[in-house]
Amino acid sequence: MDNGAMEGSLCNKINNIGYFCTERQCIDGHTDNTALTLISGDFNCSEATYGQINDHSSCFAQVLSNLNIFKGETVVLLLPKCSMQYFVFLGTLKKQCVIAPFFHNIGYEALADRLRDCRASVAVTTSAGAAKIKKIKEYIPFLKYCLITDADVHEDGCFLSLPFLMKEAPLLFDIQDTDLDTASVLHYTSGSTGRPKGVVHTHRTLEMQRHTFDEIFQLKEDDIYWCTAEAAWVTGSSYGIIAPMSCGAHQVQYTGSYNLSGWLKVLENYGITVWYTAPTALRMMMRDAASSGGAYKGSLKRIYSVGEPLNPEIMRWCGRFFGVDIYDTWFQTETGAVTIANRPGLPVRQGSMGKPVKGINASVRDDEGNALKWGEQGEIHLEQFSSLFVNYLNNSEEYSRKFINGLYRTGDKAYVDSEGYFWFQGRSDDIINTGGHLVSPFEVESAILEIDGILDVAVVGLPDDMLYEKVAAFIVTGAGYSAEDLMLKVRIHTANTVSSIAAPQEIIIQDKIPKNKSGKIMRRLLKSAYLGENAGDRSTIEED
């Protein structure tokens, strides 16, 4: 789908992501075209055209102006999937504020940490989200407004009714000239040794997001697209909002939770032709279809996956069950757009990441930044490109450490074969990839240590047939405590303070946590012992 080139100077309205996703689509004749079909869990359906999303996003931008929110201030999006999510996301960008999407089920402590770090001026959420914010309000004094989407009246000067504010605001907003390097989207990504880092992107990312959507997904005018990712995940913002809308696509969003019959109903009844999802979801469908005997009868042309390696077994099952090809893609929060991918026109090598997309120069290198030969395992490095992040918020030192000789170090290990295909081999740090979501072991450990009866803890990712990796907590307990006593407490507390995704799937009691002489947890020793593998070098372990 081609909806106009991104012409214009470095500072021009046309550079604005919000403009290109809405107003530009209307200028190009798509005002009455369906942009979004929203399907609830009980299959009530509503639609929004490009004209309607343009109007309501402009209205939200005007609300920000009426509240004296200025360019560069941060707006946190704390909503489940809904049409308002699109209005707020794109309206914030029209205003040249920074949009920071959070998972709506985020825990209290994680929410407070992120709100403090980004010094959010505005949070947009439901009454349930507002209740969380009220509990932590004393820790975030700089938050000016909490705009509540399901409140009819204002509570006080801070907690305001968003429907009331939007009813009072016009459906027009004059988007100002936007420099390509103006900050746009802020995503938090997990760190292995500290708090999650705020990844800063700019309006310049739009070029790469549109280009990759066209090169990889290859939608036609009559295609209907479904990206299952939440907006808080970079896939959900880049390929669930920005890329499809800036290309004039018709997309579907399902607000219900996963179940096989529900997802098949969405795929079949709403004419999905191009589907972007995660391997964990496909593994769940494979499991459930085997037990229920479910069958697919729909219009799919292609499936794409992201977030974790796509194993050949899933690829074969998708071919049998859906009768279409599936293409694995790879990118990170930091890259902002897909950089290595399988796609139509490129022969698929089952289990590979594919090849770099146009405009991406990728290589595999050793720890010193030296290029490696075919078949040699190292770390994926990328040359600079338009959607690459520009900083870690409040952490420029860590940002600088991500580059060597001008190349971005991804932290992902791989090798390249003789035909130029990349093959993923794992992470070079301790980050856990569970169900396509990255979890910081440090953040989970910090939460678990707050629980009475736990003296020490190490959190490790262990192989899992369904999730790729599961979160496991190795704990040292006080006298009289058992794993059974603590399992429920650990899961509930972690879900409330970090997120439900980070809650450990397994607890293993330890006499002690192995650490090196500088006090760093030796996670590889715990993992190898659990798996019955050789632990390797133990010379740096701290002795009693």
Protein backbone atom coordinates (compact mmCIF):
# COMPACT_ATOMS: atom_id res chain seq x y z
CA MET A 1 0.00 0.00 0.00
CA ASP A 2 1.46 3.35 -1.04
CA ASN A 3 0.05 6.50 0.51
CA GLY A 4 2.54 9.13 -0.47
CA ALA A 5 6.19 9.72 0.09
CA MET A 6 7.47 11.53 3.15
CA GLU A 7 8.58 14.65 1.38
CA GLY A 8 9.30 17.92 3.15
CA SER A 9 12.05 19.61 5.12
CA LEU A 10 13.55 18.48 8.40
CA CYS A 11 10.98 20.66 10.17
CA ASN A 12 7.58 20.26 8.57
CA LYS A 13 4.09 19.19 9.63
CA ILE A 14 4.37 16.22 7.31
CA ASN A 15 7.13 14.78 9.50
CA ASN A 16 4.69 14.32 12.37
CA ILE A 17 3.65 10.71 12.99
CA GLY A 18 0.19 11.73 14.19
CA TYR A 19 -0.35 13.79 11.03
CA PHE A 20 0.75 11.02 8.70
CA CYS A 21 -1.49 8.43 10.39
CA THR A 22 -4.63 10.57 10.27
CA GLU A 23 -4.83 13.93 8.50
CA ARG A 24 -2.62 12.83 5.61
CA GLN A 25 -4.79 9.75 5.08
CA CYS A 26 -7.83 12.01 4.80
CA ILE A 27 -6.05 14.30 2.34
CA ASP A 28 -5.23 11.21 0.26
CA GLY A 29 -8.91 10.32 -0.01
CA HIS A 30 -9.29 7.78 2.82
CA THR A 31 -11.53 9.84 5.13
CA ASP A 32 -14.43 7.35 4.97
CA ASN A 33 -12.26 4.22 4.79
CA THR A 34 -12.35 1.92 7.81
CA ALA A 35 -9.12 2.23 9.78
CA LEU A 36 -10.06 0.13 12.81
CA THR A 37 -12.54 -2.65 13.52
CA LEU A 38 -12.72 -3.16 17.27
CA ILE A 39 -14.10 -6.49 18.51
CA SER A 40 -14.95 -6.99 22.18
CA GLY A 41 -14.57 -10.23 24.11
CA ASP A 42 -18.27 -10.97 23.62
CA PHE A 43 -17.98 -10.05 19.91
CA ASN A 44 -19.70 -6.73 19.87
CA CYS A 45 -18.15 -4.84 16.97
CA SER A 46 -17.49 -1.16 16.31
CA GLU A 47 -15.64 0.61 13.53
CA ALA A 48 -13.71 3.86 13.19
CA THR A 49 -12.82 5.53 9.92
CA TYR A 50 -9.67 7.50 9.24
CA GLY A 51 -11.77 10.65 9.40
CA GLN A 52 -13.13 9.77 12.84
CA ILE A 53 -9.71 8.89 14.24
CA ASN A 54 -8.36 12.14 12.80
CA ASP A 55 -11.13 14.11 14.50
CA HIS A 56 -10.87 12.44 17.91
CA SER A 57 -7.07 12.44 18.02
CA SER A 58 -7.14 16.16 17.16
CA CYS A 59 -9.68 16.65 19.92
CA PHE A 60 -7.35 14.96 22.42
CA ALA A 61 -4.44 17.12 21.24
CA GLN A 62 -6.64 20.16 21.90
CA VAL A 63 -7.46 18.82 25.38
CA LEU A 64 -3.72 18.79 26.13
CA SER A 65 -3.44 22.38 24.92
CA ASN A 66 -6.40 23.42 27.05
CA LEU A 67 -4.67 21.88 30.07
CA ASN A 68 -1.47 23.83 29.29
CA ILE A 69 0.53 20.73 28.44
CA PHE A 70 3.41 21.70 26.19
CA LYS A 71 5.67 20.17 23.56
CA GLY A 72 8.08 17.61 25.05
CA GLU A 73 5.98 16.73 28.11
CA THR A 74 5.20 13.04 28.60
CA VAL A 75 1.74 11.48 28.43
CA VAL A 76 1.42 7.96 29.82
CA LEU A 77 -1.08 5.65 28.16
CA LEU A 78 -2.43 3.13 30.67
CA LEU A 79 -5.35 1.59 28.81
CA PRO A 80 -6.43 -1.82 27.55
CA LYS A 81 -7.15 -2.12 23.84
CA CYS A 82 -9.87 0.35 22.88
CA SER A 83 -10.50 3.10 20.34
CA MET A 84 -9.48 5.75 22.88
CA GLN A 85 -6.00 4.20 22.89
CA TYR A 86 -5.60 5.30 19.25
CA PHE A 87 -7.01 8.79 19.88
CA VAL A 88 -4.66 9.40 22.80
CA PHE A 89 -1.58 7.88 21.16
CA LEU A 90 -1.92 9.87 17.93
CA GLY A 91 -3.25 13.04 19.56
CA THR A 92 -0.26 13.15 21.88
CA LEU A 93 2.06 12.93 18.87
CA LYS A 94 0.14 15.67 17.04
CA LYS A 95 0.79 17.90 20.07
CA GLN A 96 4.51 16.94 19.87
CA CYS A 97 4.35 15.49 23.37
CA VAL A 98 5.94 12.11 24.15
CA ILE A 99 3.61 9.12 24.36
CA ALA A 100 4.62 6.39 26.82
CA PRO A 101 2.39 3.29 26.54
CA PHE A 102 2.38 1.07 29.64
CA PHE A 103 0.77 -2.33 30.13
CA HIS A 104 -2.56 -1.66 31.80
CA ASN A 105 -1.98 -4.48 34.33
CA ILE A 106 1.37 -3.08 35.49
CA GLY A 107 2.10 -3.40 39.22
CA TYR A 108 2.18 -0.48 41.67
CA GLU A 109 5.94 -0.31 42.18
CA ALA A 110 6.76 -0.72 38.50
CA LEU A 111 4.21 1.99 37.67
CA ALA A 112 5.66 4.38 40.25
CA ASP A 113 9.23 3.71 39.04
CA ARG A 114 8.36 4.47 35.43
CA LEU A 115 6.21 7.51 36.20
CA ARG A 116 9.04 8.96 38.28
CA ASP A 117 11.65 8.18 35.65
CA CYS A 118 9.78 9.82 32.77
CA ARG A 119 8.31 12.59 34.95
CA ALA A 120 4.95 12.13 33.27
CA SER A 121 2.71 15.19 33.25
CA VAL A 122 -0.43 13.29 32.23
CA ALA A 123 -1.69 9.74 32.64
CA VAL A 124 -4.69 8.48 30.67
CA THR A 125 -6.38 5.46 32.18
CA THR A 126 -9.57 3.82 33.42
CA SER A 127 -11.04 4.13 36.91
CA ALA A 128 -9.13 0.98 37.86
CA GLY A 129 -5.87 2.53 36.67
CA ALA A 130 -6.70 5.77 38.46
CA ALA A 131 -7.09 3.80 41.71
CA LYS A 132 -3.51 2.55 41.28
CA ILE A 133 -2.25 6.06 40.65
CA LYS A 134 -4.00 7.37 43.76
CA LYS A 135 -2.12 4.83 45.87
CA ILE A 136 1.25 6.05 44.59
CA LYS A 137 0.39 9.73 44.06
CA GLU A 138 2.66 10.92 46.88
CA TYR A 139 5.65 9.44 45.03
CA ILE A 140 4.84 11.23 41.74
CA PRO A 141 4.16 14.86 42.71
CA PHE A 142 4.98 16.10 39.20
CA LEU A 143 1.95 14.30 37.68
CA LYS A 144 -0.40 17.15 36.79
CA TYR A 145 -3.43 15.25 35.54
CA CYS A 146 -4.93 11.77 35.52
CA LEU A 147 -7.51 11.67 32.74
CA ILE A 148 -10.08 8.94 33.36
CA THR A 149 -11.78 7.45 30.31
CA ASP A 150 -14.82 5.99 32.10
CA ALA A 151 -15.60 8.89 34.45
CA ASP A 152 -18.45 11.29 33.65
CA VAL A 153 -17.41 14.08 36.02
CA HIS A 154 -14.17 15.48 37.43
CA GLU A 155 -13.15 14.22 40.87
CA ASP A 156 -10.79 17.10 41.70
CA GLY A 157 -8.18 19.28 40.05
CA CYS A 158 -5.99 16.28 39.15
CA PHE A 159 -8.35 13.37 38.46
CA LEU A 160 -10.47 14.55 35.54
CA SER A 161 -13.12 13.06 33.25
CA LEU A 162 -11.65 12.65 29.78
CA PRO A 163 -15.08 12.33 28.07
CA PHE A 164 -16.11 15.64 29.64
CA LEU A 165 -12.90 17.36 28.50
CA MET A 166 -13.24 16.01 24.95
CA LYS A 167 -16.89 17.09 24.76
CA GLU A 168 -15.74 20.64 25.48
CA ALA A 169 -12.87 20.60 22.95
CA PRO A 170 -13.11 21.09 19.16
CA LEU A 171 -12.41 18.28 16.69
CA LEU A 172 -9.70 20.38 15.04
CA PHE A 173 -6.05 20.85 15.92
CA ASP A 174 -3.39 22.77 14.03
CA ILE A 175 -0.34 20.49 13.96
CA GLN A 176 2.80 22.58 14.18
CA ASP A 177 5.91 21.99 12.08
CA THR A 178 7.70 19.01 13.56
CA ASP A 179 11.44 18.43 13.51
CA LEU A 180 12.29 14.83 12.63
CA ASP A 181 14.38 14.61 15.80
CA THR A 182 11.50 15.56 18.11
CA ALA A 183 10.96 12.83 20.72
CA SER A 184 7.86 10.74 19.94
CA VAL A 185 7.46 7.38 21.69
CA LEU A 186 8.95 6.17 24.98
CA HIS A 187 9.00 2.43 25.69
CA TYR A 188 10.44 0.76 28.77
CA THR A 189 12.55 -2.33 28.23
CA SER A 190 13.96 -4.67 30.83
CA GLY A 191 17.54 -4.43 32.04
CA SER A 192 19.52 -7.38 33.38
CA THR A 193 21.31 -5.51 36.16
CA GLY A 194 19.06 -2.55 36.98
CA ARG A 195 15.69 -0.91 36.56
CA PRO A 196 14.03 -1.03 33.12
CA LYS A 197 15.35 1.57 30.74
CA GLY A 198 13.28 4.16 28.92
CA VAL A 199 13.96 3.83 25.19
CA VAL A 200 13.53 7.17 23.40
CA HIS A 201 12.43 7.32 19.77
CA THR A 202 11.73 10.28 17.51
CA HIS A 203 9.37 11.15 14.66
CA ARG A 204 12.17 10.05 12.32
CA THR A 205 11.19 6.41 13.00
CA LEU A 206 8.12 6.72 10.77
CA GLU A 207 10.15 6.34 7.58
CA MET A 208 11.51 2.90 8.57
CA GLN A 209 8.22 1.70 10.03
CA ARG A 210 6.36 2.50 6.81
CA HIS A 211 9.11 1.05 4.63
CA THR A 212 9.27 -2.25 6.53
CA PHE A 213 5.48 -2.57 6.62
CA ASP A 214 5.49 -2.35 2.85
CA GLU A 215 8.53 -4.59 2.25
CA ILE A 216 7.62 -7.34 4.72
CA PHE A 217 3.83 -7.39 5.12
CA GLN A 218 3.00 -6.40 1.55
CA LEU A 219 -0.66 -5.47 2.13
CA LYS A 220 -2.99 -4.83 -0.79
CA GLU A 221 -6.02 -2.51 -0.81
CA ASP A 222 -8.45 -5.31 0.12
CA ASP A 223 -6.34 -6.88 2.89
CA ILE A 224 -7.47 -6.89 6.53
CA TYR A 225 -4.67 -6.91 9.08
CA TRP A 226 -4.51 -8.07 12.71
CA CYS A 227 -1.59 -7.42 15.05
CA THR A 228 -2.23 -9.11 18.41
CA ALA A 229 0.40 -7.14 20.37
CA GLU A 230 -0.43 -4.62 23.10
CA ALA A 231 0.56 -1.00 22.44
CA ALA A 232 2.91 -1.13 25.44
CA TRP A 233 5.03 -3.61 23.49
CA VAL A 234 7.01 -1.99 20.68
CA THR A 235 5.37 -4.34 18.19
CA GLY A 236 1.97 -3.00 19.21
CA SER A 237 2.92 0.65 18.78
CA SER A 238 5.07 0.29 15.66
CA TYR A 239 2.98 -2.33 13.82
CA GLY A 240 -0.36 -2.10 15.61
CA ILE A 241 -0.74 1.68 15.31
CA ILE A 242 1.92 3.65 13.42
CA ALA A 243 2.84 1.49 10.42
CA PRO A 244 -0.63 0.25 9.40
CA MET A 245 -2.32 3.62 9.91
CA SER A 246 0.39 5.58 8.11
CA CYS A 247 -0.06 3.20 5.18
CA GLY A 248 -3.86 3.45 5.10
CA ALA A 249 -4.50 -0.15 6.15
CA HIS A 250 -7.71 -1.62 7.58
CA GLN A 251 -6.88 -3.39 10.81
CA VAL A 252 -8.77 -5.39 13.40
CA GLN A 253 -8.22 -5.37 17.15
CA TYR A 254 -9.70 -7.96 19.52
CA THR A 255 -10.08 -6.85 23.13
CA GLY A 256 -10.88 -10.27 24.60
CA SER A 257 -8.38 -12.61 26.21
CA TYR A 258 -6.95 -15.59 24.37
CA ASN A 259 -8.98 -18.70 23.74
CA LEU A 260 -8.80 -20.87 20.64
CA SER A 261 -12.42 -20.57 19.56
CA GLY A 262 -12.41 -16.80 20.06
CA TRP A 263 -9.25 -16.23 18.05
CA LEU A 264 -10.44 -18.53 15.25
CA LYS A 265 -13.71 -16.62 15.18
CA VAL A 266 -11.83 -13.35 14.75
CA LEU A 267 -9.68 -14.81 11.98
CA GLU A 268 -12.59 -16.38 10.14
CA ASN A 269 -15.55 -14.03 10.66
CA TYR A 270 -13.71 -10.75 10.14
CA GLY A 271 -11.79 -11.72 7.04
CA ILE A 272 -8.25 -11.45 8.40
CA THR A 273 -5.78 -11.90 5.54
CA VAL A 274 -2.49 -10.83 7.16
CA TRP A 275 -1.83 -11.73 10.80
CA TYR A 276 1.05 -10.66 13.07
CA THR A 277 1.38 -12.56 16.34
CA ALA A 278 3.85 -14.32 18.67
CA PRO A 279 5.16 -17.90 18.69
CA THR A 280 3.79 -18.42 22.22
CA ALA A 281 0.28 -17.69 20.97
CA LEU A 282 0.74 -20.11 18.10
CA ARG A 283 2.01 -22.82 20.46
CA MET A 284 -1.07 -22.33 22.62
CA MET A 285 -3.29 -22.66 19.57
CA MET A 286 -1.44 -25.80 18.46
CA ARG A 287 -1.94 -27.33 21.92
CA ASP A 288 -5.61 -26.39 22.14
CA ALA A 289 -6.42 -27.43 18.57
CA ALA A 290 -4.91 -30.87 19.24
CA SER A 291 -7.15 -31.38 22.27
CA SER A 292 -10.35 -29.81 20.91
CA GLY A 293 -10.15 -30.81 17.28
CA GLY A 294 -10.61 -27.20 16.17
CA ALA A 295 -10.30 -26.39 12.49
CA TYR A 296 -9.68 -23.18 10.54
CA LYS A 297 -11.78 -21.97 7.61
CA GLY A 298 -10.86 -18.43 6.71
CA SER A 299 -9.17 -16.01 4.33
CA LEU A 300 -5.60 -15.87 5.65
CA LYS A 301 -2.87 -15.25 3.10
CA ARG A 302 0.13 -14.99 5.42
CA ILE A 303 1.14 -15.18 9.09
CA TYR A 304 4.04 -13.28 10.64
CA SER A 305 5.60 -13.82 14.06
CA VAL A 306 7.81 -11.80 16.39
CA GLY A 307 9.23 -11.72 19.90
CA GLU A 308 10.98 -15.08 20.19
CA PRO A 309 12.44 -17.71 17.87
CA LEU A 310 9.94 -19.50 15.65
CA ASN A 311 10.77 -23.18 15.81
CA PRO A 312 10.26 -25.43 12.75
CA GLU A 313 7.55 -27.49 14.51
CA ILE A 314 5.29 -24.43 14.75
CA MET A 315 6.02 -23.51 11.15
CA ARG A 316 4.97 -26.97 9.96
CA TRP A 317 1.84 -26.94 12.11
CA CYS A 318 0.80 -23.52 10.79
CA GLY A 319 1.20 -24.82 7.26
CA ARG A 320 -1.05 -27.79 8.00
CA PHE A 321 -3.65 -26.01 10.14
CA PHE A 322 -3.95 -22.64 8.41
CA GLY A 323 -2.71 -23.67 4.98
CA VAL A 324 -0.48 -20.58 4.60
CA ASP A 325 3.17 -19.63 4.99
CA ILE A 326 4.49 -18.10 8.20
CA TYR A 327 7.35 -15.60 8.30
CA ASP A 328 9.49 -14.89 11.35
CA THR A 329 10.64 -11.31 12.01
CA TRP A 330 13.19 -9.84 14.41
CA PHE A 331 13.58 -6.46 16.02
CA GLN A 332 13.94 -4.84 19.43
CA THR A 333 12.46 -1.98 21.40
CA GLU A 334 15.65 -0.09 20.59
CA THR A 335 15.41 -0.61 16.82
CA GLY A 336 11.82 0.67 16.58
CA ALA A 337 11.18 -1.30 13.39
CA VAL A 338 11.85 -4.77 11.99
CA THR A 339 15.47 -5.09 10.89
CA ILE A 340 15.90 -8.80 10.01
CA ALA A 341 13.03 -10.83 8.60
CA ASN A 342 11.66 -13.54 6.43
CA ARG A 343 9.18 -12.21 3.87
CA PRO A 344 7.48 -13.15 0.61
CA GLY A 345 9.97 -13.28 -2.24
CA LEU A 346 12.76 -14.55 0.03
CA PRO A 347 13.03 -18.35 0.34
CA VAL A 348 12.34 -19.34 3.95
CA ARG A 349 14.93 -21.31 5.91
CA GLN A 350 12.95 -22.92 8.73
CA GLY A 351 14.28 -21.74 12.09
CA SER A 352 16.23 -18.78 10.70
CA MET A 353 15.62 -15.08 11.41
CA GLY A 354 15.76 -14.34 7.68
CA LYS A 355 17.88 -11.60 6.12
CA PRO A 356 18.25 -7.87 6.84
CA VAL A 357 15.62 -5.64 5.27
CA LYS A 358 16.51 -2.92 2.79
CA GLY A 359 18.55 -0.14 4.42
CA ILE A 360 19.84 -2.33 7.27
CA ASN A 361 23.49 -3.33 7.46
CA ALA A 362 23.76 -6.13 10.01
CA SER A 363 26.78 -8.21 10.97
CA VAL A 364 27.84 -10.73 13.60
CA ARG A 365 30.89 -9.66 15.63
CA ASP A 366 32.96 -10.68 18.63
CA ASP A 367 33.23 -8.80 21.94
CA GLU A 368 35.83 -6.44 20.48
CA GLY A 369 33.67 -5.58 17.48
CA ASN A 370 35.57 -7.68 14.95
CA ALA A 371 33.48 -9.19 12.13
CA LEU A 372 33.15 -12.98 12.28
CA LYS A 373 33.08 -15.49 9.45
CA TRP A 374 30.09 -17.51 8.28
CA GLY A 375 29.01 -20.02 10.90
CA GLU A 376 30.83 -18.30 13.78
CA GLN A 377 28.61 -17.25 16.68
CA GLY A 378 28.76 -13.71 17.99
CA GLU A 379 26.61 -10.68 18.74
CA ILE A 380 24.42 -8.99 16.13
CA HIS A 381 25.63 -5.45 15.38
CA LEU A 382 23.71 -2.88 13.33
CA GLU A 383 24.83 0.24 11.52
CA GLN A 384 22.87 3.42 12.26
CA PHE A 385 19.42 3.73 10.62
CA SER A 386 16.43 6.04 10.90
CA SER A 387 14.32 4.18 13.49
CA LEU A 388 17.18 3.34 15.88
CA PHE A 389 16.61 4.82 19.33
CA VAL A 390 18.38 8.06 20.25
CA ASN A 391 18.90 7.57 23.98
CA TYR A 392 17.99 5.77 27.17
CA LEU A 393 16.02 8.28 29.23
CA ASN A 394 18.17 9.66 32.07
CA ASN A 395 20.84 7.07 31.27
CA SER A 396 23.15 8.33 28.53
CA GLU A 397 26.07 6.30 29.90
CA GLU A 398 24.20 3.05 29.32
CA TYR A 399 23.23 4.29 25.86
CA SER A 400 26.88 4.92 25.02
CA ARG A 401 27.80 1.40 26.13
CA LYS A 402 25.45 -0.02 23.51
CA PHE A 403 27.72 1.18 20.71
CA ILE A 404 31.16 0.09 19.56
CA ASN A 405 32.92 1.73 16.62
CA GLY A 406 29.63 3.42 15.73
CA LEU A 407 27.72 0.11 15.60
CA TYR A 408 24.73 -0.71 17.80
CA ARG A 409 25.30 -3.84 19.90
CA THR A 410 21.97 -5.64 20.13
CA GLY A 411 22.82 -8.12 22.90
CA ASP A 412 21.38 -10.93 20.76
CA LYS A 413 23.67 -13.76 19.69
CA ALA A 414 23.50 -15.33 16.24
CA TYR A 415 25.52 -16.64 13.34
CA VAL A 416 25.21 -16.01 9.60
CA ASP A 417 25.23 -18.87 7.10
CA SER A 418 26.85 -18.89 3.67
CA GLU A 419 23.64 -17.57 2.05
CA GLY A 420 23.35 -14.58 4.37
CA TYR A 421 20.59 -15.91 6.63
CA PHE A 422 20.82 -15.05 10.35
CA TRP A 423 20.25 -17.77 12.98
CA PHE A 424 19.33 -16.70 16.52
CA GLN A 425 21.32 -18.31 19.34
CA GLY A 426 20.15 -16.50 22.49
CA ARG A 427 20.82 -13.43 24.61
CA SER A 428 24.24 -12.26 25.75
CA ASP A 429 22.78 -11.04 29.05
CA ASP A 430 20.37 -12.37 31.68
CA ILE A 431 17.13 -10.96 30.26
CA ILE A 432 14.29 -13.51 30.27
CA ASN A 433 12.11 -13.83 27.17
CA THR A 434 8.83 -15.28 28.37
CA GLY A 435 6.02 -15.45 25.87
CA GLY A 436 7.70 -12.76 23.77
CA HIS A 437 7.95 -10.33 26.71
CA LEU A 438 11.32 -9.35 28.16
CA VAL A 439 11.53 -9.62 31.94
CA SER A 440 14.29 -8.16 34.11
CA PRO A 441 15.50 -10.68 36.72
CA PHE A 442 16.72 -7.78 38.86
CA GLU A 443 13.26 -6.21 39.04
CA VAL A 444 11.61 -9.51 39.99
CA GLU A 445 14.29 -10.25 42.59
CA SER A 446 13.78 -6.83 44.17
CA ALA A 447 10.07 -7.51 44.50
CA ILE A 448 10.47 -11.02 45.93
CA LEU A 449 12.96 -9.87 48.58
CA GLU A 450 10.19 -7.72 50.08
CA ILE A 451 8.32 -10.88 51.16
CA ASP A 452 8.72 -12.10 54.74
CA GLY A 453 10.52 -15.43 54.95
CA ILE A 454 12.73 -14.95 51.88
CA LEU A 455 16.39 -14.31 52.69
CA ASP A 456 17.87 -14.38 49.20
CA VAL A 457 16.71 -14.97 45.65
CA ALA A 458 17.94 -15.41 42.10
CA VAL A 459 15.58 -15.25 39.13
CA VAL A 460 16.48 -17.22 36.00
CA GLY A 461 14.87 -18.01 32.68
CA LEU A 462 14.42 -21.74 32.12
CA PRO A 463 13.41 -23.48 28.87
CA ASP A 464 9.67 -23.94 28.44
CA ASP A 465 7.77 -25.68 25.66
CA MET A 466 4.96 -23.13 25.65
CA LEU A 467 6.54 -19.80 26.72
CA TYR A 468 10.03 -20.32 25.23
CA GLU A 469 11.36 -19.39 28.69
CA LYS A 470 9.60 -19.45 32.04
CA VAL A 471 10.46 -17.26 35.00
CA ALA A 472 11.91 -19.35 37.82
CA ALA A 473 12.86 -18.10 41.28
CA PHE A 474 15.60 -19.85 43.26
CA ILE A 475 15.05 -18.78 46.86
CA VAL A 476 16.69 -19.13 50.25
CA THR A 477 14.04 -19.19 52.99
CA GLY A 478 14.00 -18.60 56.68
CA ALA A 479 13.31 -21.44 59.07
CA GLY A 480 9.87 -22.98 58.79
CA TYR A 481 9.05 -21.83 55.24
CA SER A 482 8.53 -24.10 52.23
CA ALA A 483 8.10 -23.58 48.51
CA GLU A 484 4.41 -24.43 48.90
CA ASP A 485 4.02 -21.74 51.58
CA LEU A 486 5.64 -19.08 49.46
CA MET A 487 4.56 -19.84 45.89
CA LEU A 488 1.23 -18.04 46.05
CA LYS A 489 2.71 -15.09 47.98
CA VAL A 490 5.52 -14.73 45.46
CA ARG A 491 3.23 -14.84 42.45
CA ILE A 492 0.67 -12.39 43.86
CA HIS A 493 3.28 -9.95 45.15
CA THR A 494 5.27 -10.00 41.91
CA ALA A 495 2.12 -9.54 39.84
CA ASN A 496 1.05 -6.57 41.99
CA THR A 497 4.44 -4.86 42.14
CA VAL A 498 5.97 -5.69 38.73
CA SER A 499 3.45 -7.37 36.39
CA SER A 500 1.58 -10.64 35.97
CA ILE A 501 3.92 -11.53 33.11
CA ALA A 502 6.89 -11.43 35.50
CA ALA A 503 5.32 -13.69 38.15
CA PRO A 504 7.51 -16.83 38.59
CA GLN A 505 6.15 -20.05 37.15
CA GLU A 506 8.32 -22.14 39.44
CA ILE A 507 10.06 -21.78 42.82
CA ILE A 508 13.11 -23.83 43.76
CA ILE A 509 14.41 -23.85 47.35
CA GLN A 510 18.18 -23.36 47.70
CA ASP A 511 20.55 -23.53 50.67
CA LYS A 512 22.37 -20.54 49.17
CA ILE A 513 22.55 -18.49 45.99
CA PRO A 514 25.86 -18.95 44.14
CA LYS A 515 27.67 -15.63 43.67
CA ASN A 516 31.07 -14.58 42.46
CA LYS A 517 33.60 -12.79 44.63
CA SER A 518 32.14 -9.41 43.73
CA GLY A 519 28.66 -10.54 44.78
CA LYS A 520 27.15 -11.05 41.32
CA ILE A 521 24.64 -13.88 41.08
CA MET A 522 25.96 -16.80 39.01
CA ARG A 523 22.73 -17.56 37.16
CA ARG A 524 24.36 -20.00 34.74
CA LEU A 525 25.24 -22.30 37.67
CA LEU A 526 21.64 -22.41 38.85
CA LYS A 527 20.37 -23.01 35.33
CA SER A 528 22.89 -25.75 34.52
CA ALA A 529 22.22 -27.53 37.85
CA TYR A 530 18.48 -27.44 37.21
CA LEU A 531 18.94 -28.82 33.69
CA GLY A 532 21.52 -31.38 34.74
CA GLU A 533 24.23 -29.84 32.56
CA ASN A 534 27.91 -29.17 33.11
CA ALA A 535 28.26 -25.88 35.00
CA GLY A 536 31.65 -25.04 33.49
CA ASP A 537 34.16 -22.81 35.27
CA ARG A 538 33.47 -22.33 39.01
CA SER A 539 36.70 -20.61 39.97
CA THR A 540 35.13 -17.22 40.65
CA ILE A 541 32.43 -18.49 43.04
CA GLU A 542 32.39 -16.94 46.49
CA GLU A 543 33.13 -19.58 49.15
CA ASP A 544 31.62 -19.75 52.64
